[in-house]
Amino acid sequence: MSNKSICFVFSPAHANKLVHQEKIKTIDELRAHPKRDQLLNKSQQLGLKYLEEIEQKIPRDEMKQMEVDSN
């Protein structure tokens, strides 16, 4: 996770601001930054908190079961 660009969670403009003004280049650096809560809105904070879960793929069998259950 530490090598991922912060562009994944934020708009390019916001990521550019974080990189150039705050010198934050990785998700781990953002998580450790003392002003993190002031730099992020509530949606971005949630995205950062649940990033690993969001990135996980849902297994095909599980998706097929959801499809069957919804019909």
PDB file of N, CA and C in Angstrom:
ATOM      1  N   MET A   1       0.811  -1.202   0.000  1.00  0.00           N
ATOM      2  CA  MET A   1       0.000   0.000   0.000  1.00  0.00           C
ATOM      3  C   MET A   1       0.852   1.262   0.000  1.00  0.00           C
ATOM      4  N   SER A   2       2.018   1.229   0.615  1.00  0.00           N
ATOM      5  CA  SER A   2       2.800   2.449   0.785  1.00  0.00           C
ATOM      6  C   SER A   2       3.278   3.063  -0.525  1.00  0.00           C
ATOM      7  N   ASN A   3       3.329   2.288  -1.602  1.00  0.00           N
ATOM      8  CA  ASN A   3       3.793   2.829  -2.874  1.00  0.00           C
ATOM      9  C   ASN A   3       2.675   3.342  -3.752  1.00  0.00           C
ATOM     10  N   LYS A   4       1.441   3.202  -3.317  1.00  0.00           N
ATOM     11  CA  LYS A   4       0.327   3.653  -4.136  1.00  0.00           C
ATOM     12  C   LYS A   4       0.256   5.166  -4.140  1.00  0.00           C
ATOM     13  N   SER A   5      -0.146   5.694  -5.249  1.00  0.00           N
ATOM     14  CA  SER A   5      -0.308   7.129  -5.385  1.00  0.00           C
ATOM     15  C   SER A   5      -1.569   7.570  -4.657  1.00  0.00           C
ATOM     16  N   ILE A   6      -1.544   8.758  -4.094  1.00  0.00           N
ATOM     17  CA  ILE A   6      -2.727   9.267  -3.432  1.00  0.00           C
ATOM     18  C   ILE A   6      -3.796   9.677  -4.432  1.00  0.00           C
ATOM     19  N   CYS A   7      -3.496   9.663  -5.716  1.00  0.00           N
ATOM     20  CA  CYS A   7      -4.500   9.995  -6.727  1.00  0.00           C
ATOM     21  C   CYS A   7      -5.640   8.993  -6.731  1.00  0.00           C
ATOM     22  N   PHE A   8      -5.417   7.788  -6.229  1.00  0.00           N
ATOM     23  CA  PHE A   8      -6.468   6.776  -6.236  1.00  0.00           C
ATOM     24  C   PHE A   8      -7.643   7.192  -5.361  1.00  0.00           C
ATOM     25  N   VAL A   9      -7.386   7.849  -4.255  1.00  0.00           N
ATOM     26  CA  VAL A   9      -8.418   8.216  -3.294  1.00  0.00           C
ATOM     27  C   VAL A   9      -8.950   9.626  -3.546  1.00  0.00           C
ATOM     28  N   PHE A  10      -8.159  10.484  -4.150  1.00  0.00           N
ATOM     29  CA  PHE A  10      -8.509  11.890  -4.274  1.00  0.00           C
ATOM     30  C   PHE A  10      -8.499  12.339  -5.730  1.00  0.00           C
ATOM     31  N   SER A  11      -9.146  13.471  -5.963  1.00  0.00           N
ATOM     32  CA  SER A  11      -9.112  14.050  -7.306  1.00  0.00           C
ATOM     33  C   SER A  11      -7.677  14.430  -7.643  1.00  0.00           C
ATOM     34  N   PRO A  12      -7.354  14.491  -8.918  1.00  0.00           N
ATOM     35  CA  PRO A  12      -5.987  14.894  -9.293  1.00  0.00           C
ATOM     36  C   PRO A  12      -5.586  16.256  -8.714  1.00  0.00           C
ATOM     37  N   ALA A  13      -6.524  17.196  -8.665  1.00  0.00           N
ATOM     38  CA  ALA A  13      -6.202  18.529  -8.133  1.00  0.00           C
ATOM     39  C   ALA A  13      -5.871  18.465  -6.644  1.00  0.00           C
ATOM     40  N   HIS A  14      -6.663  17.708  -5.893  1.00  0.00           N
ATOM     41  CA  HIS A  14      -6.405  17.588  -4.450  1.00  0.00           C
ATOM     42  C   HIS A  14      -5.101  16.820  -4.216  1.00  0.00           C
ATOM     43  N   ALA A  15      -4.891  15.761  -4.963  1.00  0.00           N
ATOM     44  CA  ALA A  15      -3.652  14.996  -4.822  1.00  0.00           C
ATOM     45  C   ALA A  15      -2.444  15.872  -5.133  1.00  0.00           C
ATOM     46  N   ASN A  16      -2.563  16.696  -6.162  1.00  0.00           N
ATOM     47  CA  ASN A  16      -1.472  17.604  -6.542  1.00  0.00           C
ATOM     48  C   ASN A  16      -1.154  18.561  -5.395  1.00  0.00           C
ATOM     49  N   LYS A  17      -2.194  19.075  -4.753  1.00  0.00           N
ATOM     50  CA  LYS A  17      -2.007  19.968  -3.602  1.00  0.00           C
ATOM     51  C   LYS A  17      -1.292  19.238  -2.459  1.00  0.00           C
ATOM     52  N   LEU A  18      -1.735  18.014  -2.168  1.00  0.00           N
ATOM     53  CA  LEU A  18      -1.111  17.255  -1.084  1.00  0.00           C
ATOM     54  C   LEU A  18       0.358  16.957  -1.381  1.00  0.00           C
ATOM     55  N   VAL A  19       0.649  16.635  -2.617  1.00  0.00           N
ATOM     56  CA  VAL A  19       2.028  16.295  -2.991  1.00  0.00           C
ATOM     57  C   VAL A  19       2.922  17.531  -2.967  1.00  0.00           C
ATOM     58  N   HIS A  20       2.470  18.612  -3.577  1.00  0.00           N
ATOM     59  CA  HIS A  20       3.355  19.772  -3.735  1.00  0.00           C
ATOM     60  C   HIS A  20       3.389  20.690  -2.512  1.00  0.00           C
ATOM     61  N   GLN A  21       2.264  20.855  -1.828  1.00  0.00           N
ATOM     62  CA  GLN A  21       2.248  21.754  -0.671  1.00  0.00           C
ATOM     63  C   GLN A  21       2.592  21.046   0.635  1.00  0.00           C
ATOM     64  N   GLU A  22       2.102  19.828   0.783  1.00  0.00           N
ATOM     65  CA  GLU A  22       2.307  19.102   2.038  1.00  0.00           C
ATOM     66  C   GLU A  22       3.410  18.046   1.946  1.00  0.00           C
ATOM     67  N   LYS A  23       3.918  17.814   0.736  1.00  0.00           N
ATOM     68  CA  LYS A  23       4.994  16.826   0.499  1.00  0.00           C
ATOM     69  C   LYS A  23       4.561  15.396   0.870  1.00  0.00           C
ATOM     70  N   ILE A  24       3.282  15.101   0.682  1.00  0.00           N
ATOM     71  CA  ILE A  24       2.735  13.767   0.953  1.00  0.00           C
ATOM     72  C   ILE A  24       2.681  13.018  -0.376  1.00  0.00           C
ATOM     73  N   LYS A  25       3.371  11.885  -0.456  1.00  0.00           N
ATOM     74  CA  LYS A  25       3.433  11.148  -1.712  1.00  0.00           C
ATOM     75  C   LYS A  25       2.843   9.745  -1.646  1.00  0.00           C
ATOM     76  N   THR A  26       2.585   9.242  -0.450  1.00  0.00           N
ATOM     77  CA  THR A  26       2.027   7.890  -0.334  1.00  0.00           C
ATOM     78  C   THR A  26       0.856   7.895   0.645  1.00  0.00           C
ATOM     79  N   ILE A  27       0.059   6.841   0.560  1.00  0.00           N
ATOM     80  CA  ILE A  27      -1.049   6.674   1.486  1.00  0.00           C
ATOM     81  C   ILE A  27      -0.529   6.593   2.924  1.00  0.00           C
ATOM     82  N   ASP A  28       0.550   5.882   3.133  1.00  0.00           N
ATOM     83  CA  ASP A  28       1.113   5.769   4.488  1.00  0.00           C
ATOM     84  C   ASP A  28       1.560   7.127   5.025  1.00  0.00           C
ATOM     85  N   GLU A  29       2.153   7.947   4.185  1.00  0.00           N
ATOM     86  CA  GLU A  29       2.550   9.288   4.620  1.00  0.00           C
ATOM     87  C   GLU A  29       1.321  10.117   4.981  1.00  0.00           C
ATOM     88  N   LEU A  30       0.255   9.982   4.210  1.00  0.00           N
ATOM     89  CA  LEU A  30      -0.976  10.712   4.505  1.00  0.00           C
ATOM     90  C   LEU A  30      -1.584  10.243   5.821  1.00  0.00           C
ATOM     91  N   ARG A  31      -1.610   8.947   6.029  1.00  0.00           N
ATOM     92  CA  ARG A  31      -2.167   8.416   7.275  1.00  0.00           C
ATOM     93  C   ARG A  31      -1.380   8.905   8.503  1.00  0.00           C
ATOM     94  N   ALA A  32      -0.093   9.101   8.360  1.00  0.00           N
ATOM     95  CA  ALA A  32       0.758   9.512   9.482  1.00  0.00           C
ATOM     96  C   ALA A  32       0.855  11.032   9.630  1.00  0.00           C
ATOM     97  N   HIS A  33       0.347  11.773   8.675  1.00  0.00           N
ATOM     98  CA  HIS A  33       0.495  13.233   8.676  1.00  0.00           C
ATOM     99  C   HIS A  33      -0.278  13.859   9.841  1.00  0.00           C
ATOM    100  N   PRO A  34       0.357  14.768  10.588  1.00  0.00           N
ATOM    101  CA  PRO A  34      -0.295  15.361  11.769  1.00  0.00           C
ATOM    102  C   PRO A  34      -1.535  16.207  11.432  1.00  0.00           C
ATOM    103  N   LYS A  35      -1.613  16.760  10.212  1.00  0.00           N
ATOM    104  CA  LYS A  35      -2.766  17.587   9.825  1.00  0.00           C
ATOM    105  C   LYS A  35      -3.752  16.823   8.941  1.00  0.00           C
ATOM    106  N   ARG A  36      -3.676  15.500   8.955  1.00  0.00           N
ATOM    107  CA  ARG A  36      -4.515  14.682   8.074  1.00  0.00           C
ATOM    108  C   ARG A  36      -5.993  15.072   8.135  1.00  0.00           C
ATOM    109  N   ASP A  37      -6.536  15.219   9.326  1.00  0.00           N
ATOM    110  CA  ASP A  37      -7.962  15.508   9.450  1.00  0.00           C
ATOM    111  C   ASP A  37      -8.335  16.889   8.923  1.00  0.00           C
ATOM    112  N   GLN A  38      -7.407  17.830   8.959  1.00  0.00           N
ATOM    113  CA  GLN A  38      -7.679  19.154   8.404  1.00  0.00           C
ATOM    114  C   GLN A  38      -7.546  19.166   6.876  1.00  0.00           C
ATOM    115  N   LEU A  39      -6.753  18.251   6.339  1.00  0.00           N
ATOM    116  CA  LEU A  39      -6.511  18.208   4.897  1.00  0.00           C
ATOM    117  C   LEU A  39      -7.603  17.456   4.130  1.00  0.00           C
ATOM    118  N   LEU A  40      -8.382  16.631   4.839  1.00  0.00           N
ATOM    119  CA  LEU A  40      -9.356  15.771   4.181  1.00  0.00           C
ATOM    120  C   LEU A  40     -10.772  16.082   4.635  1.00  0.00           C
ATOM    121  N   ASN A  41     -11.716  15.972   3.682  1.00  0.00           N
ATOM    122  CA  ASN A  41     -13.115  16.090   4.089  1.00  0.00           C
ATOM    123  C   ASN A  41     -13.583  14.730   4.615  1.00  0.00           C
ATOM    124  N   LYS A  42     -14.814  14.663   5.095  1.00  0.00           N
ATOM    125  CA  LYS A  42     -15.316  13.428   5.715  1.00  0.00           C
ATOM    126  C   LYS A  42     -15.315  12.255   4.725  1.00  0.00           C
ATOM    127  N   SER A  43     -15.701  12.485   3.487  1.00  0.00           N
ATOM    128  CA  SER A  43     -15.722  11.417   2.479  1.00  0.00           C
ATOM    129  C   SER A  43     -14.323  10.889   2.214  1.00  0.00           C
ATOM    130  N   GLN A  44     -13.355  11.787   2.122  1.00  0.00           N
ATOM    131  CA  GLN A  44     -11.973  11.381   1.893  1.00  0.00           C
ATOM    132  C   GLN A  44     -11.421  10.622   3.093  1.00  0.00           C
ATOM    133  N   GLN A  45     -11.792  11.037   4.297  1.00  0.00           N
ATOM    134  CA  GLN A  45     -11.354  10.318   5.496  1.00  0.00           C
ATOM    135  C   GLN A  45     -11.893   8.887   5.501  1.00  0.00           C
ATOM    136  N   LEU A  46     -13.159   8.732   5.119  1.00  0.00           N
ATOM    137  CA  LEU A  46     -13.734   7.388   5.045  1.00  0.00           C
ATOM    138  C   LEU A  46     -13.067   6.555   3.954  1.00  0.00           C
ATOM    139  N   GLY A  47     -12.813   7.173   2.801  1.00  0.00           N
ATOM    140  CA  GLY A  47     -12.128   6.466   1.717  1.00  0.00           C
ATOM    141  C   GLY A  47     -10.756   5.993   2.145  1.00  0.00           C
ATOM    142  N   LEU A  48     -10.049   6.830   2.871  1.00  0.00           N
ATOM    143  CA  LEU A  48      -8.728   6.461   3.371  1.00  0.00           C
ATOM    144  C   LEU A  48      -8.826   5.342   4.407  1.00  0.00           C
ATOM    145  N   LYS A  49      -9.813   5.438   5.281  1.00  0.00           N
ATOM    146  CA  LYS A  49      -9.986   4.436   6.333  1.00  0.00           C
ATOM    147  C   LYS A  49     -10.277   3.056   5.755  1.00  0.00           C
ATOM    148  N   TYR A  50     -11.112   3.001   4.718  1.00  0.00           N
ATOM    149  CA  TYR A  50     -11.554   1.722   4.169  1.00  0.00           C
ATOM    150  C   TYR A  50     -10.909   1.376   2.832  1.00  0.00           C
ATOM    151  N   LEU A  51      -9.803   2.010   2.498  1.00  0.00           N
ATOM    152  CA  LEU A  51      -9.170   1.830   1.198  1.00  0.00           C
ATOM    153  C   LEU A  51      -8.872   0.373   0.870  1.00  0.00           C
ATOM    154  N   GLU A  52      -8.294  -0.361   1.804  1.00  0.00           N
ATOM    155  CA  GLU A  52      -7.940  -1.761   1.534  1.00  0.00           C
ATOM    156  C   GLU A  52      -9.186  -2.597   1.254  1.00  0.00           C
ATOM    157  N   GLU A  53     -10.249  -2.335   1.988  1.00  0.00           N
ATOM    158  CA  GLU A  53     -11.494  -3.078   1.755  1.00  0.00           C
ATOM    159  C   GLU A  53     -12.095  -2.722   0.402  1.00  0.00           C
ATOM    160  N   ILE A  54     -12.052  -1.460   0.043  1.00  0.00           N
ATOM    161  CA  ILE A  54     -12.590  -1.003  -1.237  1.00  0.00           C
ATOM    162  C   ILE A  54     -11.823  -1.640  -2.398  1.00  0.00           C
ATOM    163  N   GLU A  55     -10.521  -1.790  -2.242  1.00  0.00           N
ATOM    164  CA  GLU A  55      -9.684  -2.339  -3.308  1.00  0.00           C
ATOM    165  C   GLU A  55      -9.847  -3.847  -3.500  1.00  0.00           C
ATOM    166  N   GLN A  56     -10.376  -4.543  -2.503  1.00  0.00           N
ATOM    167  CA  GLN A  56     -10.507  -5.993  -2.612  1.00  0.00           C
ATOM    168  C   GLN A  56     -11.560  -6.353  -3.656  1.00  0.00           C
ATOM    169  N   LYS A  57     -11.225  -7.331  -4.463  1.00  0.00           N
ATOM    170  CA  LYS A  57     -12.175  -7.822  -5.454  1.00  0.00           C
ATOM    171  C   LYS A  57     -13.150  -8.781  -4.783  1.00  0.00           C
ATOM    172  N   ILE A  58     -14.383  -8.735  -5.248  1.00  0.00           N
ATOM    173  CA  ILE A  58     -15.389  -9.671  -4.750  1.00  0.00           C
ATOM    174  C   ILE A  58     -15.292 -10.925  -5.606  1.00  0.00           C
ATOM    175  N   PRO A  59     -15.162 -12.090  -4.982  1.00  0.00           N
ATOM    176  CA  PRO A  59     -15.055 -13.331  -5.749  1.00  0.00           C
ATOM    177  C   PRO A  59     -16.275 -13.544  -6.649  1.00  0.00           C
ATOM    178  N   ARG A  60     -16.035 -14.082  -7.829  1.00  0.00           N
ATOM    179  CA  ARG A  60     -17.096 -14.300  -8.813  1.00  0.00           C
ATOM    180  C   ARG A  60     -18.233 -15.141  -8.228  1.00  0.00           C
ATOM    181  N   ASP A  61     -17.909 -16.197  -7.502  1.00  0.00           N
ATOM    182  CA  ASP A  61     -18.943 -17.047  -6.915  1.00  0.00           C
ATOM    183  C   ASP A  61     -19.841 -16.250  -5.968  1.00  0.00           C
ATOM    184  N   GLU A  62     -19.241 -15.365  -5.213  1.00  0.00           N
ATOM    185  CA  GLU A  62     -20.012 -14.535  -4.295  1.00  0.00           C
ATOM    186  C   GLU A  62     -20.942 -13.592  -5.056  1.00  0.00           C
ATOM    187  N   MET A  63     -20.452 -13.040  -6.152  1.00  0.00           N
ATOM    188  CA  MET A  63     -21.267 -12.143  -6.981  1.00  0.00           C
ATOM    189  C   MET A  63     -22.426 -12.922  -7.610  1.00  0.00           C
ATOM    190  N   LYS A  64     -22.155 -14.127  -8.084  1.00  0.00           N
ATOM    191  CA  LYS A  64     -23.216 -14.939  -8.661  1.00  0.00           C
ATOM    192  C   LYS A  64     -24.282 -15.258  -7.623  1.00  0.00           C
ATOM    193  N   GLN A  65     -23.869 -15.528  -6.392  1.00  0.00           N
ATOM    194  CA  GLN A  65     -24.823 -15.816  -5.332  1.00  0.00           C
ATOM    195  C   GLN A  65     -25.664 -14.580  -5.026  1.00  0.00           C
ATOM    196  N   MET A  66     -25.060 -13.421  -5.024  1.00  0.00           N
ATOM    197  CA  MET A  66     -25.813 -12.179  -4.802  1.00  0.00           C
ATOM    198  C   MET A  66     -26.845 -11.972  -5.898  1.00  0.00           C
ATOM    199  N   GLU A  67     -26.462 -12.284  -7.132  1.00  0.00           N
ATOM    200  CA  GLU A  67     -27.375 -12.160  -8.270  1.00  0.00           C
ATOM    201  C   GLU A  67     -28.573 -13.103  -8.101  1.00  0.00           C
ATOM    202  N   VAL A  68     -28.301 -14.330  -7.712  1.00  0.00           N
ATOM    203  CA  VAL A  68     -29.360 -15.315  -7.502  1.00  0.00           C
ATOM    204  C   VAL A  68     -30.268 -14.868  -6.357  1.00  0.00           C
ATOM    205  N   ASP A  69     -29.686 -14.410  -5.268  1.00  0.00           N
ATOM    206  CA  ASP A  69     -30.455 -13.974  -4.097  1.00  0.00           C
ATOM    207  C   ASP A  69     -31.327 -12.757  -4.376  1.00  0.00           C
ATOM    208  N   SER A  70     -30.912 -11.910  -5.292  1.00  0.00           N
ATOM    209  CA  SER A  70     -31.663 -10.678  -5.566  1.00  0.00           C
ATOM    210  C   SER A  70     -32.850 -10.927  -6.494  1.00  0.00           C
ATOM    211  N   ASN A  71     -32.897 -12.082  -7.143  1.00  0.00           N
ATOM    212  CA  ASN A  71     -34.015 -12.364  -8.067  1.00  0.00           C
ATOM    213  C   ASN A  71     -35.158 -13.007  -7.382  1.00  0.00           C
TER     214      ASN A  71
END
